[in-house]
Amino acid sequence: MTGASAATGDVTALQQLLDAQRAAHRADPMPSVALRRNRIDRLLALVLDNTDQLVDAIVADFGSKSRTATLSTEIVGMIGNIQHTRKNLTKWMKPRKVLRGSLVTRISAEVVPSPLGVVGVIGPWNFPLHLAILPTAAAFAAGNRVMIKMSEITPNTAETVKSLAAEYFDPTELTVVTGDLPVATAFSELAFDHIFFTGSPGVGKRIQAAAAANLVPVTLELGGKNPVVVARDADLDEAAQRIALGRMVNGGQVCICPDQAYVPAELLEGFLASAATALRKHFPTVTDNPEYPSCVNDANYRRVRGLVDDARDKGATITVVAPEHQSDPDPDTRKIAPTLVTGITADMTIAHEEIFGPVLGVATYTDANEVIDALNAQPAPLVAYWFGADTADFREFVRRTRSGGVARNEFGIHMLPSDAPFGGVGNSGMGAYHGRAGFDRLSHHRSVVGTDLPARVTTSSAVPPFGTGMRKGMDLMLLRERRRVRKRLRVV
């Protein structure tokens, strides 16, 4: 399914794909550990057998992008997480016994992780392979079948993944869908058993609204204006370097990139100087640098330029870190040089909109409480960064702020542990994945309870006539519980 073909035909074809997967799921509703691992292995083989072809497609979609960085972030970076999931499947799939003393009560109770059915994965354009494959692996681990809608903004990658999927999977296991906005809209309106979306908060709202019509649960991995606090005890040069370079990963087109740094007022000049030094060292040229990432398309290029121009027009100080002849944005290559913006005020669009480009806002503070209050007045970001020691101030920052995750002293380090949940909160998303969290998110935890007690002890006690003994027993139980609660309250 490609192109902007008739919406009616797209809906019919999509529904047929979903119907085929659902029928296959009903025929085998609880895949074995071996089959789940086999699907994960085939998914890995799809990627590992075709790394050059996939990297070529991604680089072609961006126009200018490091092949080494693409291989690292899109492919190598997800292998450990997938292997961790595969390794732990047997343990995660085991039913969990509940209800202590069941041998005495003759009631058996367990919670069984069960597949949801068919999961729809809607991938983004910034990491079009990684962020489609990783949730698919989690869905396979949970025993589901998967339909992927690849981003239309990266069409080369989309078509490559679609053609490869057909070589490694039966379409009732995995189907890859391509196409533009009408197809994406029709896809989000299908009655999946779960929708997993990665993208912007604005589009996430539309996905959730479409899913709500069918009562489809969603996982939304979104973004936000990720803050970075530089504490006074931080190594200023090291912090400035890591923050500036973290902003430049994938040309700043990453949902976990630092968006605005908060620096002690007296350290601002030193921070800016160190950041600029690091940027010049790593990016001595821009427009003629084949490894310097372009904005993915004209729309994002114009949007990022607009944020900087608006800030400049309203009084912000713009510092472009590039050779003088390459300091202006280049519409032909869609490259914007590393840019530092200070003096941001609330009337500037950049103060509220996620930048998603090679631009870092820098603000000052005198007391960490100022930063905490400012962050709590904004939508919760996907990650909050802190550069400095693990002090009481840091723990207070963690306690009083809200974010999907917290990372200290390094870009993206909160994603390093394979079993650490990754996800947003509030405006930055809902639900988490990676490791056990992904398996649990895409499973239904089904209670299975049974008894061999005689009916007079169970069902008959729930319907009249009720004897005086039952009422006396409940009165005694309530009296006991009241005394327990009152005692606890007196202790507090």
Protein backbone atom coordinates (compact mmCIF):
# COMPACT_ATOMS: atom_id res chain seq x y z
CA MET A 1 0.00 0.00 0.00
CA THR A 2 1.83 3.08 -1.20
CA GLY A 3 1.21 6.62 -2.29
CA ALA A 4 -1.80 8.86 -1.72
CA SER A 5 -4.32 6.50 -3.26
CA ALA A 6 -8.05 6.67 -2.65
CA ALA A 7 -8.90 6.71 1.04
CA THR A 8 -11.78 4.24 0.64
CA GLY A 9 -9.52 1.64 -0.97
CA ASP A 10 -6.91 2.19 1.71
CA VAL A 11 -9.44 1.60 4.48
CA THR A 12 -10.72 -1.60 2.86
CA ALA A 13 -7.22 -2.99 2.29
CA LEU A 14 -6.11 -2.11 5.80
CA GLN A 15 -9.15 -3.74 7.30
CA GLN A 16 -8.47 -6.90 5.32
CA LEU A 17 -4.91 -7.02 6.64
CA LEU A 18 -6.17 -6.59 10.20
CA ASP A 19 -8.87 -9.24 9.72
CA ALA A 20 -6.28 -11.73 8.47
CA GLN A 21 -4.01 -11.12 11.45
CA ARG A 22 -6.90 -11.35 13.90
CA ALA A 23 -8.09 -14.64 12.41
CA ALA A 24 -4.55 -16.03 12.69
CA HIS A 25 -4.34 -14.89 16.30
CA ARG A 26 -7.60 -16.62 17.17
CA ALA A 27 -6.23 -19.84 15.66
CA ASP A 28 -3.12 -19.59 17.88
CA PRO A 29 -3.96 -17.23 20.75
CA MET A 30 -1.09 -18.22 23.05
CA PRO A 31 2.13 -18.63 21.02
CA SER A 32 4.83 -20.73 22.62
CA VAL A 33 8.10 -19.35 23.93
CA ALA A 34 9.85 -20.96 20.96
CA LEU A 35 7.60 -19.25 18.41
CA ARG A 36 7.91 -15.87 20.07
CA ARG A 37 11.68 -16.16 20.11
CA ASN A 38 11.65 -17.26 16.50
CA ARG A 39 9.71 -14.16 15.51
CA ILE A 40 12.14 -11.98 17.43
CA ASP A 41 15.06 -13.75 15.73
CA ARG A 42 13.54 -13.19 12.30
CA LEU A 43 13.03 -9.52 13.16
CA LEU A 44 16.70 -9.26 14.14
CA ALA A 45 17.72 -11.11 10.98
CA LEU A 46 15.68 -8.68 8.87
CA VAL A 47 17.79 -5.86 10.29
CA LEU A 48 21.19 -7.56 10.61
CA ASP A 49 21.13 -9.21 7.18
CA ASN A 50 20.40 -5.90 5.48
CA THR A 51 22.25 -3.24 7.45
CA ASP A 52 23.85 -1.57 4.42
CA GLN A 53 20.57 -1.38 2.54
CA LEU A 54 18.75 0.05 5.55
CA VAL A 55 21.45 2.61 6.32
CA ASP A 56 21.48 3.68 2.66
CA ALA A 57 17.73 4.24 2.78
CA ILE A 58 17.85 6.29 5.99
CA VAL A 59 20.72 8.47 4.79
CA ALA A 60 18.90 9.03 1.49
CA ASP A 61 15.80 10.17 3.36
CA PHE A 62 17.74 12.76 5.36
CA GLY A 63 19.95 13.86 2.50
CA SER A 64 22.99 14.34 4.74
CA LYS A 65 23.65 12.10 7.71
CA SER A 66 26.56 10.12 9.12
CA ARG A 67 26.47 6.48 8.08
CA THR A 68 28.39 5.52 11.22
CA ALA A 69 26.00 7.41 13.49
CA THR A 70 23.04 5.89 11.64
CA LEU A 71 24.38 2.38 12.09
CA SER A 72 24.99 3.07 15.78
CA THR A 73 21.68 4.69 16.70
CA GLU A 74 19.32 2.90 14.34
CA ILE A 75 20.68 -0.64 14.55
CA VAL A 76 23.44 -1.35 17.07
CA GLY A 77 21.70 0.68 19.78
CA MET A 78 18.63 -1.54 19.90
CA ILE A 79 20.23 -5.00 19.73
CA GLY A 80 21.01 -5.29 23.45
CA ASN A 81 17.47 -4.40 24.45
CA ILE A 82 15.95 -6.93 22.07
CA GLN A 83 18.35 -9.67 23.17
CA HIS A 84 17.51 -8.91 26.81
CA THR A 85 13.81 -9.33 26.02
CA ARG A 86 14.42 -12.61 24.20
CA LYS A 87 16.54 -13.99 27.03
CA ASN A 88 13.96 -13.26 29.74
CA LEU A 89 10.83 -14.38 27.92
CA THR A 90 10.39 -17.68 29.76
CA LYS A 91 10.52 -15.93 33.13
CA TRP A 92 8.17 -13.12 32.12
CA MET A 93 5.58 -15.51 30.65
CA LYS A 94 5.17 -17.59 33.81
CA PRO A 95 1.82 -17.24 35.58
CA ARG A 96 2.07 -15.46 38.93
CA LYS A 97 0.48 -17.21 41.89
CA VAL A 98 -1.71 -15.03 44.10
CA LEU A 99 -3.94 -15.52 47.18
CA ARG A 100 -1.85 -16.78 50.06
CA GLY A 101 -3.16 -19.75 51.95
CA SER A 102 -4.95 -21.13 48.90
CA LEU A 103 -4.32 -24.73 49.99
CA VAL A 104 -6.33 -24.07 53.14
CA THR A 105 -9.13 -22.14 51.44
CA ARG A 106 -9.18 -24.54 48.47
CA ILE A 107 -9.13 -21.57 46.09
CA SER A 108 -6.47 -21.43 43.36
CA ALA A 109 -5.55 -18.06 41.86
CA GLU A 110 -2.98 -16.97 39.30
CA VAL A 111 -2.35 -14.09 36.93
CA VAL A 112 -1.51 -15.20 33.40
CA PRO A 113 0.22 -12.80 30.95
CA SER A 114 -1.80 -13.17 27.76
CA PRO A 115 -1.34 -11.68 24.28
CA LEU A 116 -3.57 -8.73 23.40
CA GLY A 117 -3.98 -9.81 19.78
CA VAL A 118 -2.98 -7.40 17.01
CA VAL A 119 -0.84 -4.36 17.82
CA GLY A 120 -0.60 -1.36 15.50
CA VAL A 121 2.81 0.34 15.61
CA ILE A 122 3.00 3.86 14.18
CA GLY A 123 6.64 4.80 13.69
CA PRO A 124 8.23 8.27 13.54
CA TRP A 125 10.62 9.76 11.00
CA ASN A 126 13.53 10.76 13.23
CA PHE A 127 14.62 7.15 13.89
CA PRO A 128 12.40 5.41 11.37
CA LEU A 129 13.91 1.94 11.80
CA HIS A 130 14.80 1.77 15.49
CA LEU A 131 11.48 3.17 16.72
CA ALA A 132 9.46 0.79 14.56
CA ILE A 133 11.48 -2.36 15.25
CA LEU A 134 11.90 -2.01 19.04
CA PRO A 135 8.17 -1.85 19.91
CA THR A 136 7.54 -4.62 17.39
CA ALA A 137 9.99 -6.85 19.28
CA ALA A 138 8.14 -6.09 22.52
CA ALA A 139 4.82 -6.94 20.85
CA PHE A 140 6.22 -10.24 19.54
CA ALA A 141 7.56 -11.05 23.01
CA ALA A 142 4.07 -10.58 24.42
CA GLY A 143 2.70 -12.98 21.79
CA ASN A 144 1.02 -10.46 19.52
CA ARG A 145 0.87 -9.97 15.78
CA VAL A 146 1.91 -6.59 14.41
CA MET A 147 1.01 -4.09 11.73
CA ILE A 148 3.53 -1.25 11.30
CA LYS A 149 2.72 2.09 9.70
CA MET A 150 6.04 3.56 8.58
CA SER A 151 6.46 7.33 8.41
CA GLU A 152 5.71 8.87 5.05
CA ILE A 153 8.39 11.52 5.75
CA THR A 154 11.11 8.87 5.27
CA PRO A 155 9.76 7.02 2.20
CA ASN A 156 12.98 5.21 1.23
CA THR A 157 13.21 3.61 4.66
CA ALA A 158 9.50 2.81 4.65
CA GLU A 159 9.59 0.99 1.33
CA THR A 160 12.79 -0.85 2.24
CA VAL A 161 11.36 -2.16 5.52
CA LYS A 162 8.12 -3.09 3.77
CA SER A 163 9.86 -5.15 1.10
CA LEU A 164 12.17 -6.85 3.62
CA ALA A 165 9.32 -7.72 5.99
CA ALA A 166 7.65 -9.72 3.23
CA GLU A 167 10.81 -11.84 2.93
CA TYR A 168 11.01 -12.72 6.62
CA PHE A 169 7.39 -12.87 7.78
CA ASP A 170 4.01 -14.17 6.78
CA PRO A 171 1.68 -11.14 6.57
CA THR A 172 -0.47 -12.64 9.33
CA GLU A 173 2.53 -12.21 11.66
CA LEU A 174 3.92 -8.88 10.52
CA THR A 175 2.66 -6.45 7.90
CA VAL A 176 4.30 -3.15 7.03
CA VAL A 177 2.10 -0.38 5.65
CA THR A 178 3.35 2.67 3.76
CA GLY A 179 1.53 5.70 2.46
CA ASP A 180 0.80 9.33 3.22
CA LEU A 181 -1.68 11.11 5.51
CA PRO A 182 -4.92 9.42 4.35
CA VAL A 183 -3.33 6.01 4.96
CA ALA A 184 -1.97 7.11 8.34
CA THR A 185 -5.39 8.41 9.33
CA ALA A 186 -7.13 5.21 8.25
CA PHE A 187 -4.51 3.13 10.09
CA SER A 188 -5.07 4.98 13.38
CA GLU A 189 -8.83 4.41 13.08
CA LEU A 190 -8.56 0.62 12.89
CA ALA A 191 -9.87 -1.43 15.81
CA PHE A 192 -6.50 -2.78 16.92
CA ASP A 193 -6.05 -4.38 20.32
CA HIS A 194 -3.39 -1.75 21.10
CA ILE A 195 -1.78 1.18 19.28
CA PHE A 196 1.85 2.07 19.93
CA PHE A 197 2.73 5.55 18.65
CA THR A 198 5.99 7.47 18.71
CA GLY A 199 5.94 11.10 17.64
CA SER A 200 4.90 14.59 18.66
CA PRO A 201 2.34 15.47 21.36
CA GLY A 202 0.15 17.16 18.74
CA VAL A 203 -0.12 14.07 16.56
CA GLY A 204 -0.35 11.89 19.67
CA LYS A 205 -3.56 13.67 20.65
CA ARG A 206 -5.07 12.89 17.25
CA ILE A 207 -4.00 9.23 17.51
CA GLN A 208 -5.56 8.91 20.94
CA ALA A 209 -8.79 10.55 19.76
CA ALA A 210 -9.03 8.15 16.81
CA ALA A 211 -8.28 5.14 19.01
CA ALA A 212 -10.90 6.21 21.55
CA ALA A 213 -13.67 5.67 19.01
CA ASN A 214 -12.89 1.93 19.17
CA LEU A 215 -11.83 1.90 22.84
CA VAL A 216 -8.33 0.93 21.71
CA PRO A 217 -5.70 1.40 24.44
CA VAL A 218 -2.63 3.39 23.41
CA THR A 219 1.00 3.78 24.30
CA LEU A 220 2.20 7.25 23.36
CA GLU A 221 5.94 7.95 23.27
CA LEU A 222 6.08 11.70 22.73
CA GLY A 223 8.54 14.48 23.53
CA GLY A 224 8.71 17.87 25.16
CA LYS A 225 11.11 20.61 26.16
CA ASN A 226 13.68 18.56 28.04
CA PRO A 227 15.41 20.73 30.67
CA VAL A 228 19.02 20.52 31.80
CA VAL A 229 20.13 21.90 35.15
CA VAL A 230 23.83 22.64 35.57
CA ALA A 231 24.55 22.59 39.29
CA ARG A 232 27.23 24.79 40.82
CA ASP A 233 29.27 21.73 41.75
CA ALA A 234 29.34 20.43 38.16
CA ASP A 235 32.47 20.35 36.04
CA LEU A 236 31.44 23.27 33.85
CA ASP A 237 33.55 22.42 30.80
CA GLU A 238 32.47 18.77 30.85
CA ALA A 239 28.82 19.66 31.38
CA ALA A 240 28.80 22.25 28.59
CA GLN A 241 30.44 19.82 26.17
CA ARG A 242 28.07 16.94 26.89
CA ILE A 243 24.97 19.14 26.79
CA ALA A 244 25.98 20.85 23.53
CA LEU A 245 26.84 17.57 21.83
CA GLY A 246 23.73 15.89 23.22
CA ARG A 247 21.72 18.63 21.53
CA MET A 248 23.42 17.77 18.23
CA VAL A 249 22.66 14.03 18.11
CA ASN A 250 20.83 13.38 14.82
CA GLY A 251 20.93 17.11 14.19
CA GLY A 252 18.89 17.69 17.34
CA GLN A 253 16.03 15.62 15.94
CA VAL A 254 15.71 13.34 18.96
CA CYS A 255 12.91 13.29 21.54
CA ILE A 256 15.42 13.08 24.43
CA CYS A 257 17.70 15.92 23.29
CA PRO A 258 18.29 18.65 25.89
CA ASP A 259 16.11 21.60 24.89
CA GLN A 260 16.98 24.29 27.40
CA ALA A 261 19.91 24.47 29.81
CA TYR A 262 19.63 26.27 33.14
CA VAL A 263 23.01 27.60 34.26
CA PRO A 264 23.98 29.58 37.38
CA ALA A 265 24.03 33.24 36.35
CA GLU A 266 27.68 33.72 37.28
CA LEU A 267 28.69 30.72 35.11
CA LEU A 268 26.82 31.67 31.94
CA GLU A 269 29.75 33.08 29.96
CA GLY A 270 31.98 30.14 30.83
CA PHE A 271 29.25 27.69 29.85
CA LEU A 272 28.65 29.37 26.48
CA ALA A 273 32.38 29.48 25.74
CA SER A 274 32.88 25.80 26.58
CA ALA A 275 29.82 24.78 24.57
CA ALA A 276 31.02 26.75 21.55
CA THR A 277 34.50 25.21 21.81
CA ALA A 278 33.07 21.70 21.82
CA LEU A 279 30.78 22.42 18.87
CA ARG A 280 33.59 23.93 16.77
CA LYS A 281 35.81 20.94 17.50
CA HIS A 282 33.21 18.39 16.43
CA PHE A 283 31.72 20.40 13.56
CA PRO A 284 34.48 22.48 11.97
CA THR A 285 32.29 22.78 8.86
CA VAL A 286 28.57 22.54 8.29
CA THR A 287 27.18 22.88 4.78
CA ASP A 288 29.99 20.91 3.12
CA ASN A 289 30.16 18.29 5.90
CA PRO A 290 28.54 15.03 4.68
CA GLU A 291 28.22 13.78 8.28
CA TYR A 292 26.40 16.87 9.51
CA PRO A 293 22.69 15.93 9.66
CA SER A 294 20.20 17.87 7.60
CA CYS A 295 16.72 18.70 8.80
CA VAL A 296 14.64 15.81 7.52
CA ASN A 297 12.52 17.93 5.15
CA ASP A 298 11.71 21.50 4.16
CA ALA A 299 8.87 21.76 6.65
CA ASN A 300 11.06 20.99 9.66
CA TYR A 301 13.85 23.18 8.30
CA ARG A 302 11.47 26.14 8.01
CA ARG A 303 9.97 25.44 11.43
CA VAL A 304 13.36 25.46 13.21
CA ARG A 305 14.44 28.57 11.33
CA GLY A 306 11.19 30.21 12.32
CA LEU A 307 11.81 29.52 16.00
CA VAL A 308 15.23 31.16 15.85
CA ASP A 309 14.04 34.13 13.76
CA ASP A 310 11.11 34.75 16.09
CA ALA A 311 13.40 34.68 19.13
CA ARG A 312 15.85 37.08 17.46
CA ASP A 313 13.07 39.48 16.49
CA LYS A 314 11.82 39.55 20.08
CA GLY A 315 15.20 40.32 21.63
CA ALA A 316 17.00 37.03 22.19
CA THR A 317 20.73 36.75 21.59
CA ILE A 318 21.58 34.27 18.84
CA THR A 319 25.06 32.74 18.72
CA VAL A 320 25.79 30.64 15.63
CA VAL A 321 28.78 28.33 16.07
CA ALA A 322 30.11 27.85 12.53
CA PRO A 323 32.59 29.32 10.06
CA GLU A 324 31.40 32.76 9.00
CA HIS A 325 30.65 31.69 5.44
CA GLN A 326 28.52 28.79 6.73
CA SER A 327 26.70 30.56 9.55
CA ASP A 328 23.49 31.21 7.62
CA PRO A 329 20.92 28.40 7.26
CA ASP A 330 21.23 26.70 3.88
CA PRO A 331 17.86 25.87 2.29
CA ASP A 332 19.48 23.72 -0.40
CA THR A 333 21.02 21.27 2.08
CA ARG A 334 18.47 22.01 4.85
CA LYS A 335 21.38 22.46 7.25
CA ILE A 336 21.25 24.80 10.23
CA ALA A 337 24.52 25.39 12.06
CA PRO A 338 24.76 24.73 15.82
CA THR A 339 23.01 27.64 17.51
CA LEU A 340 22.89 28.87 21.11
CA VAL A 341 19.98 31.10 22.15
CA THR A 342 20.04 33.20 25.32
CA GLY A 343 17.64 35.78 26.67
CA ILE A 344 14.55 33.72 25.86
CA THR A 345 11.31 35.25 27.15
CA ALA A 346 7.80 33.89 27.53
CA ASP A 347 6.48 35.71 24.44
CA MET A 348 8.85 33.77 22.16
CA THR A 349 7.60 30.60 20.47
CA ILE A 350 10.87 28.84 21.28
CA ALA A 351 10.03 29.14 24.98
CA HIS A 352 7.11 26.74 24.56
CA GLU A 353 7.67 24.61 21.44
CA GLU A 354 9.99 21.61 21.29
CA ILE A 355 12.90 22.71 19.08
CA PHE A 356 13.79 19.40 17.39
CA GLY A 357 16.80 20.88 15.63
CA PRO A 358 20.43 21.89 16.28
CA VAL A 359 19.46 24.78 18.58
CA LEU A 360 19.96 24.95 22.36
CA GLY A 361 18.27 27.46 24.63
CA VAL A 362 20.31 28.64 27.63
CA ALA A 363 18.80 30.38 30.65
CA THR A 364 20.24 31.45 34.00
CA TYR A 365 19.19 30.93 37.61
CA THR A 366 20.34 31.96 41.07
CA ASP A 367 18.60 29.28 43.11
CA ALA A 368 17.57 25.75 42.07
CA ASN A 369 14.07 26.37 43.42
CA GLU A 370 13.57 28.91 40.61
CA VAL A 371 14.19 26.19 38.05
CA ILE A 372 11.93 23.70 39.83
CA ASP A 373 9.09 26.23 39.95
CA ALA A 374 9.58 27.11 36.28
CA LEU A 375 9.56 23.45 35.21
CA ASN A 376 6.47 22.65 37.28
CA ALA A 377 4.62 25.42 35.46
CA GLN A 378 5.30 23.68 32.12
CA PRO A 379 4.10 20.38 30.61
CA ALA A 380 6.10 17.38 31.86
CA PRO A 381 9.07 16.59 29.56
CA LEU A 382 10.24 13.18 28.41
CA VAL A 383 13.50 13.48 30.36
CA ALA A 384 15.00 15.92 32.84
CA TYR A 385 18.79 16.26 32.99
CA TRP A 386 21.00 17.23 35.92
CA PHE A 387 24.72 17.88 35.70
CA GLY A 388 26.43 17.71 39.07
CA ALA A 389 26.90 15.41 42.04
CA ASP A 390 24.20 13.21 43.57
CA THR A 391 23.51 15.74 46.32
CA ALA A 392 20.51 16.74 48.40
CA ASP A 393 19.77 19.40 45.76
CA PHE A 394 19.64 16.74 43.05
CA ARG A 395 17.35 14.51 45.11
CA GLU A 396 15.09 17.49 45.80
CA PHE A 397 14.99 18.15 42.05
CA VAL A 398 13.95 14.54 41.41
CA ARG A 399 11.36 14.63 44.21
CA ARG A 400 9.68 17.87 43.21
CA THR A 401 9.70 17.72 39.41
CA ARG A 402 7.82 15.49 36.99
CA SER A 403 9.29 13.89 33.87
CA GLY A 404 9.34 10.61 32.01
CA GLY A 405 12.87 9.90 33.25
CA VAL A 406 15.87 11.56 34.87
CA ALA A 407 19.45 11.42 33.62
CA ARG A 408 22.45 12.74 35.53
CA ASN A 409 25.74 13.82 33.98
CA GLU A 410 25.22 12.22 30.56
CA PHE A 411 22.95 12.42 27.55
CA GLY A 412 20.36 9.62 27.35
CA ILE A 413 21.94 7.52 30.08
CA HIS A 414 18.51 6.71 31.54
CA MET A 415 17.93 4.51 28.47
CA LEU A 416 21.07 2.43 29.03
CA PRO A 417 19.73 -0.31 31.37
CA SER A 418 17.83 -2.79 29.21
CA ASP A 419 15.19 -3.38 31.87
CA ALA A 420 14.64 0.27 32.84
CA PRO A 421 11.18 1.44 31.67
CA PHE A 422 11.30 4.15 29.02
CA GLY A 423 8.33 6.42 28.50
CA GLY A 424 6.79 9.79 29.14
CA VAL A 425 4.24 11.21 31.53
CA GLY A 426 1.50 13.73 30.89
CA ASN A 427 2.25 15.74 27.76
CA SER A 428 5.33 13.62 27.01
CA GLY A 429 3.40 10.38 26.73
CA MET A 430 1.75 7.48 28.48
CA GLY A 431 2.94 3.94 29.02
CA ALA A 432 6.50 2.65 28.94
CA TYR A 433 8.50 -0.03 27.18
CA HIS A 434 12.02 -1.49 27.00
CA GLY A 435 12.56 -4.82 28.75
CA ARG A 436 9.90 -6.14 31.11
CA ALA A 437 7.92 -2.89 30.86
CA GLY A 438 7.31 -3.46 27.15
CA PHE A 439 6.26 -7.07 27.67
CA ASP A 440 3.83 -6.05 30.41
CA ARG A 441 2.48 -3.08 28.48
CA LEU A 442 1.59 -5.22 25.47
CA SER A 443 0.15 -8.12 27.48
CA HIS A 444 -3.18 -8.59 29.20
CA HIS A 445 -2.61 -9.80 32.74
CA ARG A 446 -5.51 -12.18 33.12
CA SER A 447 -6.73 -13.41 36.50
CA VAL A 448 -7.57 -17.12 36.57
CA VAL A 449 -9.25 -18.14 39.85
CA GLY A 450 -10.95 -21.43 40.74
CA THR A 451 -12.36 -23.19 43.78
CA ASP A 452 -13.44 -26.63 44.94
CA LEU A 453 -15.47 -25.28 47.85
CA PRO A 454 -19.11 -26.40 48.13
CA ALA A 455 -21.71 -23.98 46.81
CA ARG A 456 -23.19 -23.34 50.25
CA VAL A 457 -19.93 -21.67 51.26
CA THR A 458 -19.66 -19.46 48.18
CA THR A 459 -22.56 -18.55 45.90
CA SER A 460 -25.35 -19.20 48.43
CA SER A 461 -23.79 -16.74 50.87
CA ALA A 462 -24.35 -13.90 48.38
CA VAL A 463 -28.13 -14.22 48.05
CA PRO A 464 -30.96 -14.10 50.61
CA PRO A 465 -32.04 -15.26 53.06
CA PHE A 466 -29.14 -13.95 55.18
CA GLY A 467 -28.79 -15.37 58.67
CA THR A 468 -28.00 -13.38 61.81
CA GLY A 469 -24.63 -15.10 61.99
CA MET A 470 -23.50 -13.49 58.72
CA ARG A 471 -24.45 -10.00 59.94
CA LYS A 472 -22.71 -10.53 63.28
CA GLY A 473 -19.61 -11.76 61.52
CA MET A 474 -19.47 -8.64 59.32
CA ASP A 475 -20.04 -6.37 62.32
CA LEU A 476 -17.13 -7.97 64.15
CA MET A 477 -14.90 -7.63 61.07
CA LEU A 478 -15.80 -3.94 60.66
CA LEU A 479 -15.19 -3.25 64.35
CA ARG A 480 -11.76 -4.86 64.12
CA GLU A 481 -10.83 -2.85 61.03
CA ARG A 482 -12.03 0.45 62.57
CA ARG A 483 -9.80 -0.15 65.61
CA ARG A 484 -6.81 -0.92 63.35
CA VAL A 485 -7.23 2.25 61.33
CA ARG A 486 -7.77 4.45 64.41
CA LYS A 487 -4.64 2.99 66.01
CA ARG A 488 -2.57 3.77 62.91
CA LEU A 489 -3.91 7.31 62.79
CA ARG A 490 -2.97 7.90 66.44
CA VAL A 491 0.57 6.71 65.71
CA VAL A 492 0.89 9.17 62.83
